[in-house]
Amino acid sequence: MGVAVTIKVRRELVELADRMVALGLARSRSHAFNLMIEKGLRSVVEEVERWESIYRRAEELERRGFRLRHGGLSRLLEEGRGA
């Protein structure tokens, strides 16, 4: 059984959910949103795991005695994000 959550989404997403229902790709708007979330979940999980790894590696460097200059960790993390 799912848990009800109220969120605001862009109108385009609601229209997409309605189209999915109309085409029989989803049983309801709720089902359509769950499908959208689940299909996108893989990439979000990968990104979270990548950032957790970056933070673990930075902490390991600090434990080994490396000093990150002020702002150094932020710069390292921004580079990891491709910023």
N, C-alpha and C. Protein backbone atom coordinates (compact mmCIF):
# COMPACT_ATOMS: atom_id res chain seq x y z
N MET A 1 0.84 -1.19 0.00
CA MET A 1 0.00 0.00 0.00
C MET A 1 0.87 1.23 0.00
N GLY A 2 0.52 2.19 -0.81
CA GLY A 2 1.28 3.42 -0.92
C GLY A 2 0.92 4.42 0.17
N VAL A 3 1.69 5.46 0.22
CA VAL A 3 1.49 6.55 1.16
C VAL A 3 1.11 7.78 0.35
N ALA A 4 0.05 8.47 0.74
CA ALA A 4 -0.39 9.67 0.03
C ALA A 4 0.52 10.84 0.38
N VAL A 5 0.96 11.55 -0.66
CA VAL A 5 1.81 12.72 -0.50
C VAL A 5 1.27 13.80 -1.44
N THR A 6 1.16 15.01 -0.92
CA THR A 6 0.70 16.11 -1.75
C THR A 6 1.90 16.90 -2.22
N ILE A 7 2.02 17.07 -3.54
CA ILE A 7 3.12 17.84 -4.10
C ILE A 7 2.60 18.74 -5.21
N LYS A 8 3.36 19.79 -5.50
CA LYS A 8 3.04 20.63 -6.65
C LYS A 8 3.97 20.21 -7.77
N VAL A 9 3.42 20.07 -8.98
CA VAL A 9 4.22 19.72 -10.14
C VAL A 9 3.89 20.68 -11.28
N ARG A 10 4.78 20.72 -12.24
CA ARG A 10 4.53 21.57 -13.41
C ARG A 10 3.31 21.04 -14.17
N ARG A 11 2.59 21.97 -14.77
CA ARG A 11 1.40 21.61 -15.55
C ARG A 11 1.72 20.59 -16.63
N GLU A 12 2.91 20.71 -17.24
CA GLU A 12 3.28 19.76 -18.30
C GLU A 12 3.31 18.33 -17.80
N LEU A 13 3.71 18.13 -16.54
CA LEU A 13 3.74 16.78 -15.97
C LEU A 13 2.34 16.24 -15.76
N VAL A 14 1.42 17.10 -15.35
CA VAL A 14 0.03 16.68 -15.18
C VAL A 14 -0.55 16.30 -16.55
N GLU A 15 -0.26 17.12 -17.55
CA GLU A 15 -0.75 16.82 -18.89
C GLU A 15 -0.16 15.52 -19.41
N LEU A 16 1.11 15.27 -19.12
CA LEU A 16 1.74 14.02 -19.52
C LEU A 16 1.08 12.84 -18.81
N ALA A 17 0.80 12.99 -17.52
CA ALA A 17 0.12 11.94 -16.77
C ALA A 17 -1.26 11.66 -17.37
N ASP A 18 -1.97 12.71 -17.71
CA ASP A 18 -3.29 12.53 -18.32
C ASP A 18 -3.18 11.81 -19.66
N ARG A 19 -2.16 12.15 -20.45
CA ARG A 19 -1.96 11.46 -21.73
C ARG A 19 -1.64 9.99 -21.52
N MET A 20 -0.83 9.69 -20.49
CA MET A 20 -0.50 8.30 -20.19
C MET A 20 -1.75 7.51 -19.84
N VAL A 21 -2.64 8.13 -19.06
CA VAL A 21 -3.90 7.46 -18.69
C VAL A 21 -4.76 7.27 -19.92
N ALA A 22 -4.88 8.31 -20.74
CA ALA A 22 -5.71 8.22 -21.95
C ALA A 22 -5.22 7.13 -22.90
N LEU A 23 -3.92 6.91 -22.95
CA LEU A 23 -3.35 5.90 -23.83
C LEU A 23 -3.31 4.50 -23.21
N GLY A 24 -3.74 4.42 -21.96
CA GLY A 24 -3.73 3.13 -21.28
C GLY A 24 -2.36 2.72 -20.76
N LEU A 25 -1.43 3.67 -20.72
CA LEU A 25 -0.09 3.38 -20.19
C LEU A 25 -0.07 3.40 -18.67
N ALA A 26 -1.07 4.03 -18.08
CA ALA A 26 -1.19 4.09 -16.63
C ALA A 26 -2.67 3.99 -16.27
N ARG A 27 -2.93 3.42 -15.11
CA ARG A 27 -4.31 3.24 -14.66
C ARG A 27 -4.93 4.53 -14.13
N SER A 28 -4.07 5.43 -13.63
CA SER A 28 -4.55 6.68 -13.02
C SER A 28 -3.41 7.69 -13.05
N ARG A 29 -3.72 8.92 -12.68
CA ARG A 29 -2.67 9.93 -12.57
C ARG A 29 -1.61 9.48 -11.56
N SER A 30 -2.09 8.97 -10.45
CA SER A 30 -1.17 8.51 -9.41
C SER A 30 -0.23 7.44 -9.97
N HIS A 31 -0.79 6.48 -10.69
CA HIS A 31 0.02 5.43 -11.29
C HIS A 31 1.00 6.04 -12.30
N ALA A 32 0.54 7.01 -13.08
CA ALA A 32 1.40 7.67 -14.07
C ALA A 32 2.58 8.37 -13.38
N PHE A 33 2.32 9.08 -12.29
CA PHE A 33 3.40 9.76 -11.57
C PHE A 33 4.37 8.75 -10.97
N ASN A 34 3.84 7.65 -10.45
CA ASN A 34 4.72 6.62 -9.92
C ASN A 34 5.61 6.06 -11.02
N LEU A 35 5.06 5.86 -12.21
CA LEU A 35 5.87 5.37 -13.32
C LEU A 35 6.97 6.37 -13.68
N MET A 36 6.61 7.65 -13.73
CA MET A 36 7.59 8.68 -14.04
C MET A 36 8.71 8.69 -13.00
N ILE A 37 8.33 8.60 -11.73
CA ILE A 37 9.32 8.61 -10.65
C ILE A 37 10.22 7.38 -10.74
N GLU A 38 9.62 6.22 -10.91
CA GLU A 38 10.41 5.00 -10.95
C GLU A 38 11.37 4.97 -12.12
N LYS A 39 10.93 5.45 -13.28
CA LYS A 39 11.82 5.47 -14.44
C LYS A 39 12.98 6.43 -14.24
N GLY A 40 12.75 7.52 -13.52
CA GLY A 40 13.81 8.49 -13.23
C GLY A 40 14.62 8.15 -12.00
N LEU A 41 14.11 7.25 -11.19
CA LEU A 41 14.76 6.90 -9.93
C LEU A 41 16.15 6.34 -10.14
N ARG A 42 16.34 5.55 -11.17
CA ARG A 42 17.65 4.94 -11.42
C ARG A 42 18.75 5.99 -11.52
N SER A 43 18.49 7.04 -12.28
CA SER A 43 19.53 8.06 -12.46
C SER A 43 19.76 8.84 -11.16
N VAL A 44 18.70 9.07 -10.39
CA VAL A 44 18.86 9.78 -9.12
C VAL A 44 19.67 8.93 -8.14
N VAL A 45 19.38 7.63 -8.07
CA VAL A 45 20.13 6.74 -7.18
C VAL A 45 21.61 6.74 -7.59
N GLU A 46 21.89 6.67 -8.89
CA GLU A 46 23.27 6.69 -9.36
C GLU A 46 23.97 7.98 -8.95
N GLU A 47 23.29 9.12 -9.09
CA GLU A 47 23.89 10.40 -8.73
C GLU A 47 24.16 10.48 -7.24
N VAL A 48 23.20 10.05 -6.42
CA VAL A 48 23.38 10.08 -4.96
C VAL A 48 24.56 9.19 -4.57
N GLU A 49 24.63 8.00 -5.14
CA GLU A 49 25.74 7.09 -4.82
C GLU A 49 27.08 7.69 -5.24
N ARG A 50 27.12 8.36 -6.40
CA ARG A 50 28.35 8.99 -6.86
C ARG A 50 28.79 10.07 -5.87
N TRP A 51 27.85 10.91 -5.41
CA TRP A 51 28.20 11.97 -4.47
C TRP A 51 28.58 11.43 -3.10
N GLU A 52 27.93 10.36 -2.67
CA GLU A 52 28.32 9.75 -1.40
C GLU A 52 29.76 9.24 -1.49
N SER A 53 30.12 8.67 -2.63
CA SER A 53 31.48 8.19 -2.84
C SER A 53 32.48 9.34 -2.82
N ILE A 54 32.14 10.45 -3.45
CA ILE A 54 33.01 11.62 -3.46
C ILE A 54 33.24 12.12 -2.04
N TYR A 55 32.17 12.22 -1.25
CA TYR A 55 32.30 12.68 0.13
C TYR A 55 33.13 11.70 0.95
N ARG A 56 32.92 10.38 0.76
CA ARG A 56 33.72 9.39 1.49
C ARG A 56 35.20 9.52 1.15
N ARG A 57 35.50 9.71 -0.14
CA ARG A 57 36.90 9.86 -0.56
C ARG A 57 37.52 11.13 0.01
N ALA A 58 36.77 12.22 0.02
CA ALA A 58 37.28 13.47 0.59
C ALA A 58 37.55 13.31 2.08
N GLU A 59 36.63 12.64 2.79
CA GLU A 59 36.83 12.40 4.22
C GLU A 59 38.04 11.50 4.46
N GLU A 60 38.24 10.51 3.61
CA GLU A 60 39.40 9.63 3.73
C GLU A 60 40.70 10.41 3.53
N LEU A 61 40.72 11.32 2.56
CA LEU A 61 41.90 12.16 2.37
C LEU A 61 42.20 12.98 3.61
N GLU A 62 41.16 13.54 4.22
CA GLU A 62 41.35 14.32 5.44
C GLU A 62 41.88 13.44 6.57
N ARG A 63 41.35 12.21 6.69
CA ARG A 63 41.84 11.29 7.73
C ARG A 63 43.31 10.94 7.52
N ARG A 64 43.74 10.90 6.29
CA ARG A 64 45.13 10.57 5.97
C ARG A 64 46.06 11.77 6.14
N GLY A 65 45.49 12.89 6.54
CA GLY A 65 46.32 14.05 6.81
C GLY A 65 46.36 15.10 5.72
N PHE A 66 45.67 14.87 4.63
CA PHE A 66 45.61 15.90 3.60
C PHE A 66 44.74 17.02 4.11
N ARG A 67 45.18 18.23 3.87
CA ARG A 67 44.39 19.38 4.27
C ARG A 67 43.75 19.98 3.04
N LEU A 68 42.46 20.13 3.09
CA LEU A 68 41.75 20.80 2.00
C LEU A 68 41.68 22.27 2.35
N ARG A 69 42.23 23.09 1.47
CA ARG A 69 42.20 24.53 1.72
C ARG A 69 40.76 25.00 1.80
N HIS A 70 40.58 26.12 2.43
CA HIS A 70 39.24 26.70 2.52
C HIS A 70 38.66 26.81 1.12
N GLY A 71 37.51 26.21 0.93
CA GLY A 71 36.87 26.23 -0.38
C GLY A 71 37.35 25.11 -1.28
N GLY A 72 38.38 24.40 -0.86
CA GLY A 72 38.93 23.33 -1.69
C GLY A 72 37.95 22.20 -1.91
N LEU A 73 37.24 21.80 -0.85
CA LEU A 73 36.27 20.72 -0.99
C LEU A 73 35.13 21.15 -1.89
N SER A 74 34.70 22.38 -1.74
CA SER A 74 33.62 22.87 -2.60
C SER A 74 34.05 22.84 -4.07
N ARG A 75 35.29 23.25 -4.33
CA ARG A 75 35.78 23.24 -5.70
C ARG A 75 35.87 21.81 -6.22
N LEU A 76 36.36 20.89 -5.39
CA LEU A 76 36.45 19.49 -5.78
C LEU A 76 35.06 18.95 -6.10
N LEU A 77 34.09 19.26 -5.26
CA LEU A 77 32.74 18.76 -5.48
C LEU A 77 32.11 19.38 -6.72
N GLU A 78 32.36 20.66 -6.96
CA GLU A 78 31.83 21.30 -8.16
C GLU A 78 32.42 20.67 -9.40
N GLU A 79 33.70 20.32 -9.37
CA GLU A 79 34.32 19.67 -10.51
C GLU A 79 33.67 18.32 -10.76
N GLY A 80 33.34 17.61 -9.67
CA GLY A 80 32.67 16.32 -9.78
C GLY A 80 31.30 16.43 -10.40
N ARG A 81 30.65 17.58 -10.20
CA ARG A 81 29.33 17.82 -10.76
C ARG A 81 29.40 18.28 -12.21
N GLY A 82 30.59 18.55 -12.66
CA GLY A 82 30.74 19.04 -14.03
C GLY A 82 30.41 20.51 -14.16
N ALA A 83 30.45 21.22 -13.04
CA ALA A 83 30.11 22.65 -13.05
C ALA A 83 31.21 23.48 -13.63
